[in-house]
Amino acid sequence: FTISRDNAKKTSYLQMNSLKPEDTAVYYCAVRASRL
């Protein structure tokens, strides 16, 4: 998996390759509003 972001579009991406049956799930994105 590779995570990336486009700040101009305010969008995050999760590229998922070589997927396995155990990757089956509901995927949620989340934002932390300050430094972490």
PDB file of all heavy atoms in Angstrom:
ATOM      1  N   PHE A   1       0.845  -1.196   0.000  1.00  0.00           N
ATOM      2  CA  PHE A   1       0.000   0.000   0.000  1.00  0.00           C
ATOM      3  C   PHE A   1       0.879   1.245   0.000  1.00  0.00           C
ATOM      4  O   PHE A   1       1.952   1.255   0.601  1.00  0.00           O
ATOM      5  CB  PHE A   1      -0.892   0.040   1.231  1.00  0.00           C
ATOM      6  CG  PHE A   1      -1.988  -0.995   1.281  1.00  0.00           C
ATOM      7  CD1 PHE A   1      -2.023  -2.067   0.382  1.00  0.00           C
ATOM      8  CD2 PHE A   1      -2.991  -0.899   2.232  1.00  0.00           C
ATOM      9  CE1 PHE A   1      -3.023  -3.015   0.444  1.00  0.00           C
ATOM     10  CE2 PHE A   1      -4.002  -1.838   2.302  1.00  0.00           C
ATOM     11  CZ  PHE A   1      -4.006  -2.908   1.404  1.00  0.00           C
ATOM     12  N   THR A   2       0.375   2.292  -0.645  1.00  0.00           N
ATOM     13  CA  THR A   2       1.075   3.572  -0.665  1.00  0.00           C
ATOM     14  C   THR A   2       0.079   4.688  -0.384  1.00  0.00           C
ATOM     15  O   THR A   2      -0.940   4.802  -1.070  1.00  0.00           O
ATOM     16  CB  THR A   2       1.735   3.830  -2.026  1.00  0.00           C
ATOM     17  OG1 THR A   2       2.645   2.761  -2.327  1.00  0.00           O
ATOM     18  CG2 THR A   2       2.502   5.156  -2.011  1.00  0.00           C
ATOM     19  N   ILE A   3       0.395   5.502   0.605  1.00  0.00           N
ATOM     20  CA  ILE A   3      -0.442   6.649   0.922  1.00  0.00           C
ATOM     21  C   ILE A   3       0.188   7.901   0.322  1.00  0.00           C
ATOM     22  O   ILE A   3       1.406   8.038   0.268  1.00  0.00           O
ATOM     23  CB  ILE A   3      -0.633   6.811   2.447  1.00  0.00           C
ATOM     24  CG1 ILE A   3      -1.674   7.890   2.747  1.00  0.00           C
ATOM     25  CG2 ILE A   3       0.694   7.093   3.148  1.00  0.00           C
ATOM     26  CD1 ILE A   3      -2.073   7.968   4.226  1.00  0.00           C
ATOM     27  N   SER A   4      -0.671   8.792  -0.147  1.00  0.00           N
ATOM     28  CA  SER A   4      -0.197  10.065  -0.684  1.00  0.00           C
ATOM     29  C   SER A   4      -1.276  11.110  -0.450  1.00  0.00           C
ATOM     30  O   SER A   4      -2.387  10.794  -0.022  1.00  0.00           O
ATOM     31  CB  SER A   4       0.133   9.947  -2.173  1.00  0.00           C
ATOM     32  OG  SER A   4      -1.025   9.587  -2.919  1.00  0.00           O
ATOM     33  N   ARG A   5      -0.921  12.359  -0.723  1.00  0.00           N
ATOM     34  CA  ARG A   5      -1.902  13.426  -0.561  1.00  0.00           C
ATOM     35  C   ARG A   5      -1.647  14.511  -1.587  1.00  0.00           C
ATOM     36  O   ARG A   5      -0.512  14.735  -2.004  1.00  0.00           O
ATOM     37  CB  ARG A   5      -1.874  13.995   0.854  1.00  0.00           C
ATOM     38  CG  ARG A   5      -0.569  14.644   1.265  1.00  0.00           C
ATOM     39  CD  ARG A   5      -0.586  14.973   2.753  1.00  0.00           C
ATOM     40  NE  ARG A   5      -1.520  16.029   3.072  1.00  0.00           N
ATOM     41  CZ  ARG A   5      -1.947  16.301   4.308  1.00  0.00           C
ATOM     42  NH1 ARG A   5      -1.541  15.557   5.324  1.00  0.00           N
ATOM     43  NH2 ARG A   5      -2.787  17.281   4.520  1.00  0.00           N
ATOM     44  N   ASP A   6      -2.724  15.193  -1.961  1.00  0.00           N
ATOM     45  CA  ASP A   6      -2.668  16.348  -2.848  1.00  0.00           C
ATOM     46  C   ASP A   6      -3.280  17.493  -2.062  1.00  0.00           C
ATOM     47  O   ASP A   6      -4.506  17.578  -1.921  1.00  0.00           O
ATOM     48  CB  ASP A   6      -3.451  16.065  -4.135  1.00  0.00           C
ATOM     49  CG  ASP A   6      -3.358  17.189  -5.151  1.00  0.00           C
ATOM     50  OD1 ASP A   6      -3.207  18.359  -4.734  1.00  0.00           O
ATOM     51  OD2 ASP A   6      -3.451  16.897  -6.349  1.00  0.00           O
ATOM     52  N   ASN A   7      -2.431  18.357  -1.531  1.00  0.00           N
ATOM     53  CA  ASN A   7      -2.928  19.420  -0.663  1.00  0.00           C
ATOM     54  C   ASN A   7      -3.814  20.411  -1.415  1.00  0.00           C
ATOM     55  O   ASN A   7      -4.764  20.951  -0.846  1.00  0.00           O
ATOM     56  CB  ASN A   7      -1.762  20.149  -0.002  1.00  0.00           C
ATOM     57  CG  ASN A   7      -1.067  19.292   1.027  1.00  0.00           C
ATOM     58  OD1 ASN A   7      -1.676  18.421   1.649  1.00  0.00           O
ATOM     59  ND2 ASN A   7       0.228  19.502   1.201  1.00  0.00           N
ATOM     60  N   ALA A   8      -3.512  20.646  -2.681  1.00  0.00           N
ATOM     61  CA  ALA A   8      -4.332  21.581  -3.462  1.00  0.00           C
ATOM     62  C   ALA A   8      -5.755  21.059  -3.604  1.00  0.00           C
ATOM     63  O   ALA A   8      -6.717  21.830  -3.617  1.00  0.00           O
ATOM     64  CB  ALA A   8      -3.713  21.809  -4.826  1.00  0.00           C
ATOM     65  N   LYS A   9      -5.889  19.754  -3.700  1.00  0.00           N
ATOM     66  CA  LYS A   9      -7.215  19.140  -3.836  1.00  0.00           C
ATOM     67  C   LYS A   9      -7.779  18.701  -2.489  1.00  0.00           C
ATOM     68  O   LYS A   9      -8.892  18.186  -2.431  1.00  0.00           O
ATOM     69  CB  LYS A   9      -7.145  17.940  -4.773  1.00  0.00           C
ATOM     70  CG  LYS A   9      -6.777  18.287  -6.207  1.00  0.00           C
ATOM     71  CD  LYS A   9      -6.775  17.045  -7.079  1.00  0.00           C
ATOM     72  CE  LYS A   9      -6.452  17.400  -8.525  1.00  0.00           C
ATOM     73  NZ  LYS A   9      -6.418  16.199  -9.402  1.00  0.00           N
ATOM     74  N   LYS A  10      -7.012  18.860  -1.428  1.00  0.00           N
ATOM     75  CA  LYS A  10      -7.432  18.449  -0.087  1.00  0.00           C
ATOM     76  C   LYS A  10      -7.855  16.974  -0.109  1.00  0.00           C
ATOM     77  O   LYS A  10      -8.883  16.597   0.452  1.00  0.00           O
ATOM     78  CB  LYS A  10      -8.577  19.318   0.422  1.00  0.00           C
ATOM     79  CG  LYS A  10      -8.232  20.785   0.541  1.00  0.00           C
ATOM     80  CD  LYS A  10      -9.425  21.600   1.029  1.00  0.00           C
ATOM     81  CE  LYS A  10      -9.108  23.076   1.067  1.00  0.00           C
ATOM     82  NZ  LYS A  10     -10.292  23.873   1.503  1.00  0.00           N
ATOM     83  N   THR A  11      -7.067  16.181  -0.747  1.00  0.00           N
ATOM     84  CA  THR A  11      -7.417  14.772  -0.955  1.00  0.00           C
ATOM     85  C   THR A  11      -6.250  13.872  -0.578  1.00  0.00           C
ATOM     86  O   THR A  11      -5.094  14.184  -0.864  1.00  0.00           O
ATOM     87  CB  THR A  11      -7.813  14.524  -2.418  1.00  0.00           C
ATOM     88  OG1 THR A  11      -8.950  15.339  -2.743  1.00  0.00           O
ATOM     89  CG2 THR A  11      -8.174  13.064  -2.648  1.00  0.00           C
ATOM     90  N   SER A  12      -6.585  12.770   0.063  1.00  0.00           N
ATOM     91  CA  SER A  12      -5.616  11.730   0.377  1.00  0.00           C
ATOM     92  C   SER A  12      -5.948  10.502  -0.473  1.00  0.00           C
ATOM     93  O   SER A  12      -7.124  10.243  -0.757  1.00  0.00           O
ATOM     94  CB  SER A  12      -5.689  11.374   1.862  1.00  0.00           C
ATOM     95  OG  SER A  12      -4.937  10.214   2.140  1.00  0.00           O
ATOM     96  N   TYR A  13      -4.909   9.763  -0.834  1.00  0.00           N
ATOM     97  CA  TYR A  13      -5.093   8.567  -1.643  1.00  0.00           C
ATOM     98  C   TYR A  13      -4.442   7.372  -0.952  1.00  0.00           C
ATOM     99  O   TYR A  13      -3.417   7.509  -0.277  1.00  0.00           O
ATOM    100  CB  TYR A  13      -4.458   8.741  -3.024  1.00  0.00           C
ATOM    101  CG  TYR A  13      -4.973   9.934  -3.785  1.00  0.00           C
ATOM    102  CD1 TYR A  13      -4.270  11.134  -3.774  1.00  0.00           C
ATOM    103  CD2 TYR A  13      -6.161   9.865  -4.498  1.00  0.00           C
ATOM    104  CE1 TYR A  13      -4.743  12.239  -4.464  1.00  0.00           C
ATOM    105  CE2 TYR A  13      -6.645  10.964  -5.192  1.00  0.00           C
ATOM    106  CZ  TYR A  13      -5.933  12.149  -5.169  1.00  0.00           C
ATOM    107  OH  TYR A  13      -6.414  13.238  -5.853  1.00  0.00           O
ATOM    108  N   LEU A  14      -5.022   6.220  -1.148  1.00  0.00           N
ATOM    109  CA  LEU A  14      -4.426   4.976  -0.672  1.00  0.00           C
ATOM    110  C   LEU A  14      -4.401   4.015  -1.851  1.00  0.00           C
ATOM    111  O   LEU A  14      -5.436   3.480  -2.242  1.00  0.00           O
ATOM    112  CB  LEU A  14      -5.218   4.388   0.494  1.00  0.00           C
ATOM    113  CG  LEU A  14      -4.583   3.156   1.145  1.00  0.00           C
ATOM    114  CD1 LEU A  14      -3.288   3.542   1.863  1.00  0.00           C
ATOM    115  CD2 LEU A  14      -5.542   2.488   2.128  1.00  0.00           C
ATOM    116  N   GLN A  15      -3.216   3.831  -2.416  1.00  0.00           N
ATOM    117  CA  GLN A  15      -3.037   2.880  -3.506  1.00  0.00           C
ATOM    118  C   GLN A  15      -2.779   1.513  -2.905  1.00  0.00           C
ATOM    119  O   GLN A  15      -1.817   1.350  -2.143  1.00  0.00           O
ATOM    120  CB  GLN A  15      -1.874   3.295  -4.400  1.00  0.00           C
ATOM    121  CG  GLN A  15      -1.573   2.333  -5.520  1.00  0.00           C
ATOM    122  CD  GLN A  15      -2.684   2.263  -6.560  1.00  0.00           C
ATOM    123  OE1 GLN A  15      -3.223   3.290  -6.969  1.00  0.00           O
ATOM    124  NE2 GLN A  15      -3.025   1.056  -7.004  1.00  0.00           N
ATOM    125  N   MET A  16      -3.624   0.557  -3.243  1.00  0.00           N
ATOM    126  CA  MET A  16      -3.521  -0.771  -2.660  1.00  0.00           C
ATOM    127  C   MET A  16      -3.228  -1.781  -3.761  1.00  0.00           C
ATOM    128  O   MET A  16      -4.050  -1.961  -4.674  1.00  0.00           O
ATOM    129  CB  MET A  16      -4.824  -1.132  -1.946  1.00  0.00           C
ATOM    130  CG  MET A  16      -5.240  -0.108  -0.903  1.00  0.00           C
ATOM    131  SD  MET A  16      -6.689  -0.606   0.054  1.00  0.00           S
ATOM    132  CE  MET A  16      -7.940  -0.652  -1.225  1.00  0.00           C
ATOM    133  N   ASN A  17      -2.068  -2.392  -3.692  1.00  0.00           N
ATOM    134  CA  ASN A  17      -1.644  -3.394  -4.671  1.00  0.00           C
ATOM    135  C   ASN A  17      -1.504  -4.750  -3.997  1.00  0.00           C
ATOM    136  O   ASN A  17      -1.435  -4.847  -2.774  1.00  0.00           O
ATOM    137  CB  ASN A  17      -0.320  -2.988  -5.295  1.00  0.00           C
ATOM    138  CG  ASN A  17      -0.391  -1.675  -6.044  1.00  0.00           C
ATOM    139  OD1 ASN A  17      -1.428  -1.320  -6.609  1.00  0.00           O
ATOM    140  ND2 ASN A  17       0.719  -0.949  -6.049  1.00  0.00           N
ATOM    141  N   SER A  18      -1.438  -5.784  -4.817  1.00  0.00           N
ATOM    142  CA  SER A  18      -1.274  -7.156  -4.314  1.00  0.00           C
ATOM    143  C   SER A  18      -2.263  -7.452  -3.194  1.00  0.00           C
ATOM    144  O   SER A  18      -1.889  -7.973  -2.137  1.00  0.00           O
ATOM    145  CB  SER A  18       0.165  -7.359  -3.818  1.00  0.00           C
ATOM    146  OG  SER A  18       1.096  -7.110  -4.854  1.00  0.00           O
ATOM    147  N   LEU A  19      -3.501  -7.120  -3.438  1.00  0.00           N
ATOM    148  CA  LEU A  19      -4.517  -7.273  -2.401  1.00  0.00           C
ATOM    149  C   LEU A  19      -4.735  -8.731  -2.034  1.00  0.00           C
ATOM    150  O   LEU A  19      -4.636  -9.634  -2.889  1.00  0.00           O
ATOM    151  CB  LEU A  19      -5.821  -6.633  -2.850  1.00  0.00           C
ATOM    152  CG  LEU A  19      -5.843  -5.106  -2.745  1.00  0.00           C
ATOM    153  CD1 LEU A  19      -6.927  -4.515  -3.606  1.00  0.00           C
ATOM    154  CD2 LEU A  19      -6.013  -4.683  -1.298  1.00  0.00           C
ATOM    155  N   LYS A  20      -5.027  -8.950  -0.757  1.00  0.00           N
ATOM    156  CA  LYS A  20      -5.259 -10.281  -0.214  1.00  0.00           C
ATOM    157  C   LYS A  20      -6.668 -10.347   0.379  1.00  0.00           C
ATOM    158  O   LYS A  20      -7.221  -9.311   0.769  1.00  0.00           O
ATOM    159  CB  LYS A  20      -4.238 -10.576   0.888  1.00  0.00           C
ATOM    160  CG  LYS A  20      -2.792 -10.416   0.471  1.00  0.00           C
ATOM    161  CD  LYS A  20      -1.868 -10.597   1.670  1.00  0.00           C
ATOM    162  CE  LYS A  20      -0.407 -10.409   1.276  1.00  0.00           C
ATOM    163  NZ  LYS A  20       0.499 -10.572   2.445  1.00  0.00           N
ATOM    164  N   PRO A  21      -7.227 -11.543   0.485  1.00  0.00           N
ATOM    165  CA  PRO A  21      -8.561 -11.648   1.106  1.00  0.00           C
ATOM    166  C   PRO A  21      -8.610 -11.043   2.505  1.00  0.00           C
ATOM    167  O   PRO A  21      -9.642 -10.475   2.893  1.00  0.00           O
ATOM    168  CB  PRO A  21      -8.801 -13.160   1.136  1.00  0.00           C
ATOM    169  CG  PRO A  21      -8.024 -13.679  -0.035  1.00  0.00           C
ATOM    170  CD  PRO A  21      -6.796 -12.818  -0.096  1.00  0.00           C
ATOM    171  N   GLU A  22      -7.520 -11.113   3.235  1.00  0.00           N
ATOM    172  CA  GLU A  22      -7.497 -10.537   4.585  1.00  0.00           C
ATOM    173  C   GLU A  22      -7.492  -9.017   4.599  1.00  0.00           C
ATOM    174  O   GLU A  22      -7.588  -8.407   5.668  1.00  0.00           O
ATOM    175  CB  GLU A  22      -6.303 -11.083   5.392  1.00  0.00           C
ATOM    176  CG  GLU A  22      -4.969 -10.970   4.698  1.00  0.00           C
ATOM    177  CD  GLU A  22      -4.573 -12.255   3.991  1.00  0.00           C
ATOM    178  OE1 GLU A  22      -5.446 -12.862   3.308  1.00  0.00           O
ATOM    179  OE2 GLU A  22      -3.393 -12.642   4.103  1.00  0.00           O
ATOM    180  N   ASP A  23      -7.386  -8.392   3.429  1.00  0.00           N
ATOM    181  CA  ASP A  23      -7.523  -6.933   3.352  1.00  0.00           C
ATOM    182  C   ASP A  23      -8.986  -6.506   3.288  1.00  0.00           C
ATOM    183  O   ASP A  23      -9.291  -5.312   3.323  1.00  0.00           O
ATOM    184  CB  ASP A  23      -6.801  -6.391   2.108  1.00  0.00           C
ATOM    185  CG  ASP A  23      -5.302  -6.572   2.175  1.00  0.00           C
ATOM    186  OD1 ASP A  23      -4.719  -6.333   3.250  1.00  0.00           O
ATOM    187  OD2 ASP A  23      -4.715  -6.959   1.148  1.00  0.00           O
ATOM    188  N   THR A  24      -9.880  -7.467   3.188  1.00  0.00           N
ATOM    189  CA  THR A  24     -11.308  -7.157   3.126  1.00  0.00           C
ATOM    190  C   THR A  24     -11.762  -6.457   4.406  1.00  0.00           C
ATOM    191  O   THR A  24     -11.537  -6.943   5.510  1.00  0.00           O
ATOM    192  CB  THR A  24     -12.125  -8.449   2.932  1.00  0.00           C
ATOM    193  OG1 THR A  24     -11.815  -9.001   1.653  1.00  0.00           O
ATOM    194  CG2 THR A  24     -13.619  -8.164   3.016  1.00  0.00           C
ATOM    195  N   ALA A  25     -12.360  -5.285   4.232  1.00  0.00           N
ATOM    196  CA  ALA A  25     -12.794  -4.487   5.378  1.00  0.00           C
ATOM    197  C   ALA A  25     -13.489  -3.225   4.861  1.00  0.00           C
ATOM    198  O   ALA A  25     -13.452  -2.924   3.668  1.00  0.00           O
ATOM    199  CB  ALA A  25     -11.601  -4.092   6.242  1.00  0.00           C
ATOM    200  N   VAL A  26     -14.073  -2.500   5.783  1.00  0.00           N
ATOM    201  CA  VAL A  26     -14.501  -1.132   5.500  1.00  0.00           C
ATOM    202  C   VAL A  26     -13.313  -0.229   5.801  1.00  0.00           C
ATOM    203  O   VAL A  26     -12.736  -0.299   6.892  1.00  0.00           O
ATOM    204  CB  VAL A  26     -15.720  -0.723   6.340  1.00  0.00           C
ATOM    205  CG1 VAL A  26     -16.084   0.737   6.063  1.00  0.00           C
ATOM    206  CG2 VAL A  26     -16.902  -1.632   6.048  1.00  0.00           C
ATOM    207  N   TYR A  27     -12.957   0.587   4.840  1.00  0.00           N
ATOM    208  CA  TYR A  27     -11.816   1.480   4.981  1.00  0.00           C
ATOM    209  C   TYR A  27     -12.303   2.895   5.290  1.00  0.00           C
ATOM    210  O   TYR A  27     -13.189   3.418   4.597  1.00  0.00           O
ATOM    211  CB  TYR A  27     -10.981   1.467   3.712  1.00  0.00           C
ATOM    212  CG  TYR A  27     -10.115   0.240   3.598  1.00  0.00           C
ATOM    213  CD1 TYR A  27     -10.671  -1.010   3.361  1.00  0.00           C
ATOM    214  CD2 TYR A  27      -8.732   0.311   3.759  1.00  0.00           C
ATOM    215  CE1 TYR A  27      -9.897  -2.148   3.294  1.00  0.00           C
ATOM    216  CE2 TYR A  27      -7.937  -0.824   3.679  1.00  0.00           C
ATOM    217  CZ  TYR A  27      -8.524  -2.052   3.446  1.00  0.00           C
ATOM    218  OH  TYR A  27      -7.743  -3.181   3.375  1.00  0.00           O
ATOM    219  N   TYR A  28     -11.701   3.488   6.310  1.00  0.00           N
ATOM    220  CA  TYR A  28     -12.072   4.828   6.754  1.00  0.00           C
ATOM    221  C   TYR A  28     -10.875   5.768   6.644  1.00  0.00           C
ATOM    222  O   TYR A  28      -9.756   5.387   6.979  1.00  0.00           O
ATOM    223  CB  TYR A  28     -12.503   4.805   8.213  1.00  0.00           C
ATOM    224  CG  TYR A  28     -13.702   3.958   8.511  1.00  0.00           C
ATOM    225  CD1 TYR A  28     -13.570   2.615   8.847  1.00  0.00           C
ATOM    226  CD2 TYR A  28     -14.989   4.504   8.479  1.00  0.00           C
ATOM    227  CE1 TYR A  28     -14.673   1.833   9.134  1.00  0.00           C
ATOM    228  CE2 TYR A  28     -16.098   3.729   8.768  1.00  0.00           C
ATOM    229  CZ  TYR A  28     -15.933   2.395   9.083  1.00  0.00           C
ATOM    230  OH  TYR A  28     -17.036   1.631   9.380  1.00  0.00           O
ATOM    231  N   CYS A  29     -11.136   6.982   6.200  1.00  0.00           N
ATOM    232  CA  CYS A  29     -10.092   7.989   6.295  1.00  0.00           C
ATOM    233  C   CYS A  29     -10.389   8.874   7.502  1.00  0.00           C
ATOM    234  O   CYS A  29     -11.534   8.977   7.954  1.00  0.00           O
ATOM    235  CB  CYS A  29      -9.959   8.808   5.023  1.00  0.00           C
ATOM    236  SG  CYS A  29     -11.294   9.952   4.685  1.00  0.00           S
ATOM    237  N   ALA A  30      -9.334   9.483   7.997  1.00  0.00           N
ATOM    238  CA  ALA A  30      -9.440  10.297   9.199  1.00  0.00           C
ATOM    239  C   ALA A  30      -8.461  11.446   9.120  1.00  0.00           C
ATOM    240  O   ALA A  30      -7.434  11.357   8.436  1.00  0.00           O
ATOM    241  CB  ALA A  30      -9.171   9.448  10.437  1.00  0.00           C
ATOM    242  N   VAL A  31      -8.767  12.511   9.822  1.00  0.00           N
ATOM    243  CA  VAL A  31      -7.894  13.690   9.869  1.00  0.00           C
ATOM    244  C   VAL A  31      -7.614  14.075  11.314  1.00  0.00           C
ATOM    245  O   VAL A  31      -8.524  14.137  12.147  1.00  0.00           O
ATOM    246  CB  VAL A  31      -8.522  14.885   9.122  1.00  0.00           C
ATOM    247  CG1 VAL A  31      -7.793  16.185   9.474  1.00  0.00           C
ATOM    248  CG2 VAL A  31      -8.467  14.669   7.617  1.00  0.00           C
ATOM    249  N   ARG A  32      -6.370  14.343  11.559  1.00  0.00           N
ATOM    250  CA  ARG A  32      -5.947  14.944  12.824  1.00  0.00           C
ATOM    251  C   ARG A  32      -5.709  16.416  12.546  1.00  0.00           C
ATOM    252  O   ARG A  32      -4.967  16.763  11.642  1.00  0.00           O
ATOM    253  CB  ARG A  32      -4.653  14.285  13.291  1.00  0.00           C
ATOM    254  CG  ARG A  32      -3.862  15.085  14.301  1.00  0.00           C
ATOM    255  CD  ARG A  32      -4.409  14.912  15.695  1.00  0.00           C
ATOM    256  NE  ARG A  32      -3.496  15.534  16.658  1.00  0.00           N
ATOM    257  CZ  ARG A  32      -3.443  15.185  17.915  1.00  0.00           C
ATOM    258  NH1 ARG A  32      -4.220  14.212  18.386  1.00  0.00           N
ATOM    259  NH2 ARG A  32      -2.605  15.793  18.729  1.00  0.00           N
ATOM    260  N   ALA A  33      -6.325  17.302  13.340  1.00  0.00           N
ATOM    261  CA  ALA A  33      -6.317  18.734  13.024  1.00  0.00           C
ATOM    262  C   ALA A  33      -5.106  19.473  13.543  1.00  0.00           C
ATOM    263  O   ALA A  33      -5.054  20.700  13.452  1.00  0.00           O
ATOM    264  CB  ALA A  33      -7.586  19.376  13.565  1.00  0.00           C
ATOM    265  N   SER A  34      -4.144  18.777  14.095  1.00  0.00           N
ATOM    266  CA  SER A  34      -2.947  19.428  14.608  1.00  0.00           C
ATOM    267  C   SER A  34      -1.786  18.457  14.500  1.00  0.00           C
ATOM    268  O   SER A  34      -1.947  17.306  14.100  1.00  0.00           O
ATOM    269  CB  SER A  34      -3.157  19.883  16.048  1.00  0.00           C
ATOM    270  OG  SER A  34      -3.500  18.779  16.856  1.00  0.00           O
ATOM    271  N   ARG A  35      -0.601  18.947  14.869  1.00  0.00           N
ATOM    272  CA  ARG A  35       0.596  18.141  14.753  1.00  0.00           C
ATOM    273  C   ARG A  35       0.469  16.853  15.569  1.00  0.00           C
ATOM    274  O   ARG A  35      -0.152  16.821  16.616  1.00  0.00           O
ATOM    275  CB  ARG A  35       1.795  18.935  15.267  1.00  0.00           C
ATOM    276  CG  ARG A  35       3.135  18.461  14.720  1.00  0.00           C
ATOM    277  CD  ARG A  35       3.257  18.756  13.259  1.00  0.00           C
ATOM    278  NE  ARG A  35       4.610  18.512  12.746  1.00  0.00           N
ATOM    279  CZ  ARG A  35       4.933  18.557  11.473  1.00  0.00           C
ATOM    280  NH1 ARG A  35       4.026  18.829  10.566  1.00  0.00           N
ATOM    281  NH2 ARG A  35       6.169  18.334  11.089  1.00  0.00           N
ATOM    282  N   LEU A  36       1.060  15.776  15.027  1.00  0.00           N
ATOM    283  CA  LEU A  36       0.956  14.472  15.671  1.00  0.00           C
ATOM    284  C   LEU A  36       2.272  13.735  15.518  1.00  0.00           C
ATOM    285  O   LEU A  36       2.838  13.677  14.425  1.00  0.00           O
ATOM    286  CB  LEU A  36      -0.184  13.672  15.028  1.00  0.00           C
ATOM    287  CG  LEU A  36      -0.490  12.295  15.597  1.00  0.00           C
ATOM    288  CD1 LEU A  36      -0.990  12.404  17.032  1.00  0.00           C
ATOM    289  CD2 LEU A  36      -1.527  11.587  14.726  1.00  0.00           C
TER     290      LEU A  36
END
